[in-house]
Amino acid sequence: MNKMLLLITAALFLACSSTPETYTVETIDGVRHVHNLEPKWDDEPKIELEFVRKIGYLEGKDENHQFFQVHGVMTDETGNIYVLDSGNKRVQKFDSEGKYLLTIGKEGNGPGELAFPGQMDVDEEKVFIVDPSNGKIEVFDQLGESIACINPNFMPQIVRYLGSDQLVTKLISRPPENKDQKQNLLTVFDFDGQITNQIGWCIEPDSPVLFRYLNDIYFETDDVKNIYVTFINENRFEKYNKKGELVFRADRPLNYTIAHREILSKYNTISADLTRVSGNIGVDSKGRIWISTYQETPVMDQNTGAVKNKVLALEIFDNDGVFLGKVKYPFPKSAFVKIQGESMFFTDEDYIVIHEYKIIEK
């Protein structure tokens, strides 16, 4: 009798103490594939965003705080803030309190000059600015002096510095001419513009038109140079180590069905009708992965390609790809630009004013 009672008590304890499974994992070719079912935090996020400051303004007399088309925000080890002010062909450097320090680069086509900078990266010593119009990457020191110019025979989009004079980039995806060949997702190259490594594999749809769109990605690196990739038009994100080895691939629950198809554009050319899934990706000081994700089926303007109904949330995953929870965007029409440490930067919808927030643990 006592033994039976003990067994019943133990069964009830296990039933009450067990937690529902929020994800599953399968191993394919030695790599973890994480299938997230629901967030571990339920509906109560354990993180919130606290407003810190604005940098830049629409009107004012100080031109050092007037931006036009902000395409990037970075910080260095001392907390200085770098703003890629693409429309004004420069990078503006501010201290950790938002006080203007100096300008890096100027308009032009010569050494240390920029035609229309598209992306940048910052490490403890150097500032890298991608200038697609001039087919180069300008390298400056922290005081704004031009110290090098990289001229690869391809044009990088996003770049991140991996150390040891190595940069990683995403090239424009094109189907390989030989169908038996596979195309890599990321390219690593040195300061001489020579390719030193290839990372990941592109998705391979039957349609050449869809090939490019399905391989549109954002990527980011963490402090130890792991690389995190999110696919803009697919429910898929990945982590690679510094050597370029795939650590995991993951997906998450969506409130809509993903569908891609070829369409005839108004110019009588073959285009694509896509389901947009995610925007940018970032990693905070605790190694958590943040991805801006559409929460309902995005409605695309077929003429401009813009999303008409931007219903986004910041979804948060641990460093193994497990879905933790989500937080709302601070304001609906903002563009998520960058996470560094405990700081998160957004621009307004006009890419003119930067809003800095701090990640707060509840």
Protein backbone atom coordinates (compact mmCIF):
# COMPACT_ATOMS: atom_id res chain seq x y z
CA MET A 1 0.00 0.00 0.00
CA ASN A 2 2.75 2.40 0.99
CA LYS A 3 4.71 1.38 -2.12
CA MET A 4 1.69 2.05 -4.34
CA LEU A 5 1.14 5.45 -2.69
CA LEU A 6 4.78 6.32 -3.23
CA LEU A 7 4.58 5.46 -6.94
CA ILE A 8 1.42 7.56 -7.41
CA THR A 9 3.01 10.51 -5.57
CA ALA A 10 6.15 10.27 -7.70
CA ALA A 11 4.11 10.17 -10.93
CA LEU A 12 2.08 13.20 -9.89
CA PHE A 13 5.26 15.10 -8.99
CA LEU A 14 6.82 14.37 -12.36
CA ALA A 15 3.65 15.39 -14.20
CA CYS A 16 3.41 18.67 -12.33
CA SER A 17 7.10 19.52 -12.49
CA SER A 18 7.69 18.73 -16.17
CA THR A 19 7.78 21.67 -18.56
CA PRO A 20 6.45 21.59 -22.11
CA GLU A 21 9.02 21.08 -24.83
CA THR A 22 9.70 24.38 -26.62
CA TYR A 23 12.07 23.07 -29.28
CA THR A 24 13.43 19.91 -30.87
CA VAL A 25 16.90 19.16 -32.20
CA GLU A 26 18.01 16.82 -34.94
CA THR A 27 21.56 16.19 -36.09
CA ILE A 28 22.20 16.18 -39.83
CA ASP A 29 25.72 15.52 -41.13
CA GLY A 30 27.05 16.26 -37.65
CA VAL A 31 25.33 19.67 -37.39
CA ARG A 32 22.58 20.65 -34.93
CA HIS A 33 19.28 21.69 -36.53
CA VAL A 34 17.08 23.47 -34.00
CA HIS A 35 13.33 23.54 -34.63
CA ASN A 36 11.75 26.06 -32.27
CA LEU A 37 8.12 25.44 -31.37
CA GLU A 38 7.39 28.30 -28.98
CA PRO A 39 9.34 30.77 -26.83
CA LYS A 40 10.70 29.58 -23.48
CA TRP A 41 9.63 32.86 -21.87
CA ASP A 42 5.96 32.44 -22.88
CA ASP A 43 4.33 35.87 -23.22
CA GLU A 44 6.40 37.58 -20.53
CA PRO A 45 9.81 38.68 -21.85
CA LYS A 46 12.63 38.82 -19.34
CA ILE A 47 14.23 41.74 -21.18
CA GLU A 48 13.11 45.27 -21.90
CA LEU A 49 14.56 48.20 -23.82
CA GLU A 50 15.20 51.47 -22.02
CA PHE A 51 15.58 54.69 -24.03
CA VAL A 52 18.97 56.39 -23.62
CA ARG A 53 19.28 59.25 -26.12
CA LYS A 54 18.78 60.55 -29.63
CA ILE A 55 21.71 61.36 -31.87
CA GLY A 56 21.06 63.66 -34.81
CA TYR A 57 18.09 65.84 -35.65
CA LEU A 58 16.04 66.99 -38.59
CA GLU A 59 16.72 70.68 -38.13
CA GLY A 60 19.48 72.58 -36.37
CA LYS A 61 22.56 74.70 -36.85
CA ASP A 62 25.18 72.07 -36.02
CA GLU A 63 25.86 70.19 -39.26
CA ASN A 64 27.84 67.55 -37.34
CA HIS A 65 24.54 66.25 -35.96
CA GLN A 66 22.62 66.46 -39.23
CA PHE A 67 22.53 63.11 -40.99
CA PHE A 68 21.25 62.06 -44.38
CA GLN A 69 20.67 58.33 -44.96
CA VAL A 70 22.25 56.63 -41.95
CA HIS A 71 23.39 53.18 -43.11
CA GLY A 72 25.26 52.01 -40.03
CA VAL A 73 26.04 52.59 -36.36
CA MET A 74 28.98 51.03 -34.50
CA THR A 75 30.75 51.46 -31.17
CA ASP A 76 34.35 50.78 -30.17
CA GLU A 77 35.80 49.31 -26.98
CA THR A 78 35.68 52.66 -25.16
CA GLY A 79 32.04 53.31 -26.07
CA ASN A 80 32.63 55.86 -28.83
CA ILE A 81 29.81 55.85 -31.40
CA TYR A 82 30.39 55.86 -35.17
CA VAL A 83 27.58 56.88 -37.52
CA LEU A 84 27.81 56.01 -41.21
CA ASP A 85 26.22 59.13 -42.71
CA SER A 86 26.04 57.80 -46.26
CA GLY A 87 24.21 60.71 -47.86
CA ASN A 88 26.82 63.14 -46.57
CA LYS A 89 29.70 60.79 -47.57
CA ARG A 90 31.26 60.56 -44.13
CA VAL A 91 31.41 58.79 -40.77
CA GLN A 92 30.71 60.91 -37.69
CA LYS A 93 32.41 59.90 -34.45
CA PHE A 94 30.85 60.72 -31.07
CA ASP A 95 31.86 59.89 -27.52
CA SER A 96 29.79 57.59 -25.31
CA GLU A 97 27.62 60.54 -24.25
CA GLY A 98 26.83 61.58 -27.83
CA LYS A 99 29.28 64.51 -28.02
CA TYR A 100 30.74 65.06 -31.49
CA LEU A 101 34.45 64.24 -31.78
CA LEU A 102 35.51 64.16 -35.44
CA THR A 103 34.61 63.34 -39.05
CA ILE A 104 36.11 60.41 -40.95
CA GLY A 105 36.25 60.59 -44.75
CA LYS A 106 34.94 63.18 -47.18
CA GLU A 107 33.26 63.29 -50.57
CA GLY A 108 35.41 62.41 -53.57
CA ASN A 109 37.07 59.63 -55.52
CA GLY A 110 40.64 59.82 -54.26
CA PRO A 111 42.47 58.24 -51.31
CA GLY A 112 40.50 58.65 -48.09
CA GLU A 113 37.48 59.93 -50.06
CA LEU A 114 34.01 58.42 -50.47
CA ALA A 115 31.49 58.57 -53.32
CA PHE A 116 28.58 56.90 -51.51
CA PRO A 117 29.60 54.68 -48.60
CA GLY A 118 27.34 51.68 -48.07
CA GLN A 119 28.56 49.78 -45.00
CA MET A 120 31.24 49.97 -42.30
CA ASP A 121 32.89 48.10 -39.47
CA VAL A 122 34.95 49.24 -36.50
CA ASP A 123 37.53 47.44 -34.39
CA GLU A 124 39.84 48.67 -31.62
CA GLU A 125 42.22 50.30 -34.11
CA LYS A 126 40.58 50.69 -37.51
CA VAL A 127 37.44 51.87 -39.30
CA PHE A 128 36.49 50.06 -42.52
CA ILE A 129 34.16 51.84 -44.96
CA VAL A 130 32.75 50.12 -48.06
CA ASP A 131 32.45 52.49 -51.02
CA PRO A 132 30.73 50.52 -53.83
CA SER A 133 30.69 53.42 -56.30
CA ASN A 134 34.49 53.55 -56.19
CA GLY A 135 34.87 49.76 -55.95
CA LYS A 136 36.96 49.95 -52.79
CA ILE A 137 37.11 49.65 -49.02
CA GLU A 138 38.74 52.61 -47.30
CA VAL A 139 40.57 51.89 -44.03
CA PHE A 140 41.06 54.67 -41.46
CA ASP A 141 42.58 54.80 -38.01
CA GLN A 142 40.56 55.92 -34.99
CA LEU A 143 41.70 59.53 -35.54
CA GLY A 144 40.26 59.59 -39.04
CA GLU A 145 43.54 59.26 -40.96
CA SER A 146 43.44 57.16 -44.13
CA ILE A 147 45.84 54.21 -43.70
CA ALA A 148 44.91 51.75 -46.46
CA CYS A 149 42.66 51.12 -49.44
CA ILE A 150 41.46 47.63 -50.36
CA ASN A 151 40.55 47.05 -54.02
CA PRO A 152 39.11 43.54 -54.43
CA ASN A 153 38.03 42.33 -57.87
CA PHE A 154 34.51 41.93 -56.47
CA MET A 155 32.30 44.39 -54.63
CA PRO A 156 31.48 43.51 -51.03
CA GLN A 157 28.16 44.45 -49.47
CA ILE A 158 28.24 44.07 -45.68
CA VAL A 159 31.77 43.61 -44.29
CA ARG A 160 32.99 42.52 -40.86
CA TYR A 161 36.62 42.42 -39.73
CA LEU A 162 37.76 39.01 -38.46
CA GLY A 163 41.21 40.09 -37.32
CA SER A 164 44.60 39.17 -38.83
CA ASP A 165 43.87 41.37 -41.88
CA GLN A 166 40.85 39.23 -42.86
CA LEU A 167 37.39 40.52 -43.79
CA VAL A 168 34.18 38.57 -44.38
CA THR A 169 31.50 39.73 -46.81
CA LYS A 170 28.32 38.79 -48.62
CA LEU A 171 28.49 39.01 -52.40
CA ILE A 172 25.49 39.35 -54.71
CA SER A 173 24.16 35.82 -55.21
CA ARG A 174 24.05 34.52 -58.76
CA PRO A 175 23.36 30.95 -59.84
CA PRO A 176 26.55 29.09 -60.82
CA GLU A 177 26.96 28.54 -64.56
CA ASN A 178 27.60 24.86 -63.95
CA LYS A 179 24.58 23.29 -62.25
CA ASP A 180 26.83 20.71 -60.61
CA GLN A 181 28.65 23.46 -58.73
CA LYS A 182 27.50 24.93 -55.42
CA GLN A 183 27.85 28.58 -54.48
CA ASN A 184 29.13 29.76 -51.13
CA LEU A 185 27.18 32.14 -48.92
CA LEU A 186 30.04 34.24 -47.48
CA THR A 187 33.51 35.14 -48.73
CA VAL A 188 36.61 35.86 -46.64
CA PHE A 189 39.39 37.98 -48.17
CA ASP A 190 42.58 39.76 -47.11
CA PHE A 191 43.81 43.33 -47.43
CA ASP A 192 45.17 42.51 -50.90
CA GLY A 193 41.65 41.61 -52.01
CA GLN A 194 42.54 37.90 -52.32
CA ILE A 195 39.92 35.32 -51.32
CA THR A 196 41.17 33.17 -48.43
CA ASN A 197 38.05 31.23 -47.42
CA GLN A 198 34.46 30.49 -48.45
CA ILE A 199 31.72 29.92 -45.88
CA GLY A 200 28.33 28.22 -46.07
CA TRP A 201 26.22 27.16 -49.03
CA CYS A 202 23.50 29.01 -50.87
CA ILE A 203 19.93 27.72 -51.14
CA GLU A 204 19.47 26.21 -54.62
CA PRO A 205 15.95 26.68 -56.03
CA ASP A 206 15.16 25.59 -59.58
CA SER A 207 14.47 29.19 -60.60
CA PRO A 208 17.51 31.41 -61.39
CA VAL A 209 15.38 34.44 -60.50
CA LEU A 210 14.55 33.08 -57.05
CA PHE A 211 18.18 32.08 -56.43
CA ARG A 212 19.27 35.61 -55.66
CA TYR A 213 16.28 36.51 -53.50
CA LEU A 214 16.30 33.32 -51.44
CA ASN A 215 19.96 33.92 -50.65
CA ASP A 216 19.50 37.52 -49.51
CA ILE A 217 20.95 37.63 -46.01
CA TYR A 218 22.07 39.83 -43.16
CA PHE A 219 24.97 38.70 -41.03
CA GLU A 220 26.81 39.81 -37.91
CA THR A 221 29.82 38.74 -35.83
CA ASP A 222 30.29 38.53 -32.07
CA ASP A 223 33.32 39.42 -29.92
CA VAL A 224 35.12 36.15 -30.74
CA LYS A 225 34.23 36.41 -34.46
CA ASN A 226 31.56 33.75 -34.69
CA ILE A 227 29.31 34.63 -37.64
CA TYR A 228 25.51 34.74 -37.43
CA VAL A 229 23.39 34.73 -40.60
CA THR A 230 19.67 35.31 -41.09
CA PHE A 231 17.92 34.70 -44.41
CA ILE A 232 15.63 37.62 -45.29
CA ASN A 233 13.10 35.58 -47.26
CA GLU A 234 13.37 32.19 -45.52
CA ASN A 235 12.63 30.87 -42.03
CA ARG A 236 16.27 30.07 -41.39
CA PHE A 237 19.22 31.42 -39.42
CA GLU A 238 22.68 29.96 -38.87
CA LYS A 239 25.82 30.25 -36.77
CA TYR A 240 29.36 29.63 -38.06
CA ASN A 241 32.59 29.66 -36.08
CA LYS A 242 35.56 31.81 -37.08
CA LYS A 243 36.93 28.99 -39.24
CA GLY A 244 33.72 29.03 -41.25
CA GLU A 245 32.33 25.74 -39.88
CA LEU A 246 28.54 25.52 -39.49
CA VAL A 247 27.67 25.27 -35.77
CA PHE A 248 23.87 25.15 -36.04
CA ARG A 249 20.93 25.93 -38.29
CA ALA A 250 17.60 26.97 -36.76
CA ASP A 251 14.03 28.03 -37.54
CA ARG A 252 11.17 29.41 -35.44
CA PRO A 253 7.35 29.46 -35.43
CA LEU A 254 5.72 31.96 -37.79
CA ASN A 255 2.14 33.19 -38.00
CA TYR A 256 2.07 32.88 -41.78
CA THR A 257 3.02 30.59 -44.63
CA ILE A 258 6.12 31.29 -46.71
CA ALA A 259 5.52 31.27 -50.46
CA HIS A 260 7.80 32.37 -53.30
CA ARG A 261 7.00 32.50 -57.01
CA GLU A 262 8.08 34.09 -60.24
CA ILE A 263 5.93 36.92 -61.58
CA LEU A 264 5.89 39.17 -64.64
CA SER A 265 6.78 42.74 -63.61
CA LYS A 266 5.26 45.87 -65.08
CA TYR A 267 8.38 46.11 -67.27
CA ASN A 268 7.61 42.65 -68.76
CA THR A 269 10.60 41.09 -67.04
CA ILE A 270 10.60 38.06 -64.75
CA SER A 271 10.65 39.10 -61.11
CA ALA A 272 9.75 37.44 -57.81
CA ASP A 273 6.84 37.58 -55.40
CA LEU A 274 8.34 36.80 -51.99
CA THR A 275 7.35 36.38 -48.38
CA ARG A 276 9.64 38.57 -46.31
CA VAL A 277 10.56 36.91 -43.00
CA SER A 278 13.30 38.83 -41.27
CA GLY A 279 15.33 42.00 -41.18
CA ASN A 280 18.60 42.52 -39.37
CA ILE A 281 20.43 40.26 -36.91
CA GLY A 282 22.64 41.10 -33.93
CA VAL A 283 24.31 39.59 -30.87
CA ASP A 284 24.32 41.19 -27.41
CA SER A 285 26.95 41.09 -24.64
CA LYS A 286 25.49 37.84 -23.25
CA GLY A 287 25.68 36.07 -26.60
CA ARG A 288 21.93 36.22 -27.24
CA ILE A 289 20.90 36.44 -30.88
CA TRP A 290 18.38 39.13 -31.87
CA ILE A 291 16.51 38.96 -35.18
CA SER A 292 13.91 41.46 -36.39
CA THR A 293 11.09 39.25 -37.64
CA TYR A 294 7.81 39.99 -39.41
CA GLN A 295 4.85 38.98 -37.23
CA GLU A 296 2.28 38.79 -40.02
CA THR A 297 2.41 38.21 -43.75
CA PRO A 298 4.26 41.20 -45.23
CA VAL A 299 2.42 42.95 -48.06
CA MET A 300 4.93 44.03 -50.70
CA ASP A 301 4.55 46.98 -53.06
CA GLN A 302 5.14 45.32 -56.45
CA ASN A 303 6.45 48.57 -57.95
CA THR A 304 8.94 49.56 -55.25
CA GLY A 305 9.56 46.32 -53.36
CA ALA A 306 8.83 48.11 -50.08
CA VAL A 307 6.88 46.42 -47.30
CA LYS A 308 3.55 48.19 -46.74
CA ASN A 309 2.69 46.68 -43.35
CA LYS A 310 5.79 46.59 -41.17
CA VAL A 311 4.66 44.55 -38.16
CA LEU A 312 7.99 43.59 -36.65
CA ALA A 313 9.20 42.22 -33.34
CA LEU A 314 12.68 41.61 -32.00
CA GLU A 315 12.93 37.86 -31.48
CA ILE A 316 15.59 36.69 -29.03
CA PHE A 317 17.44 33.35 -29.10
CA ASP A 318 20.16 31.92 -26.89
CA ASN A 319 23.60 31.22 -28.37
CA ASP A 320 22.53 27.69 -29.29
CA GLY A 321 19.60 28.92 -31.38
CA VAL A 322 16.83 28.23 -28.84
CA PHE A 323 13.91 30.69 -28.99
CA LEU A 324 13.68 32.64 -25.72
CA GLY A 325 11.07 35.32 -26.42
CA LYS A 326 10.39 38.57 -28.17
CA VAL A 327 10.07 42.29 -27.44
CA LYS A 328 8.20 44.95 -29.37
CA TYR A 329 9.93 47.51 -31.50
CA PRO A 330 10.32 50.79 -29.59
CA PHE A 331 8.35 52.55 -32.32
CA PRO A 332 6.66 50.85 -35.27
CA LYS A 333 8.38 52.44 -38.26
CA SER A 334 11.92 52.28 -36.95
CA ALA A 335 14.78 50.43 -38.65
CA PHE A 336 16.94 48.20 -36.45
CA VAL A 337 20.54 49.10 -37.20
CA LYS A 338 22.93 47.58 -34.69
CA ILE A 339 23.42 45.84 -31.34
CA GLN A 340 26.74 46.25 -29.58
CA GLY A 341 27.22 45.09 -26.02
CA GLU A 342 24.16 46.22 -24.09
CA SER A 343 23.31 49.02 -26.52
CA MET A 344 20.83 48.85 -29.38
CA PHE A 345 20.54 51.48 -32.10
CA PHE A 346 17.57 52.24 -34.34
CA THR A 347 16.98 54.89 -36.97
CA ASP A 348 13.71 56.61 -37.72
CA GLU A 349 11.92 55.70 -40.95
CA ASP A 350 13.79 58.48 -42.80
CA TYR A 351 17.22 57.21 -41.67
CA ILE A 352 18.07 60.59 -40.18
CA VAL A 353 17.74 60.36 -36.37
CA ILE A 354 19.36 57.58 -34.31
CA HIS A 355 17.63 56.29 -31.18
CA GLU A 356 19.84 54.53 -28.67
CA TYR A 357 18.36 52.01 -26.22
CA LYS A 358 19.85 49.94 -23.43
CA ILE A 359 19.04 46.25 -22.92
CA ILE A 360 17.69 45.80 -19.37
CA GLU A 361 17.32 42.45 -17.60
CA LYS A 362 14.02 42.17 -15.73
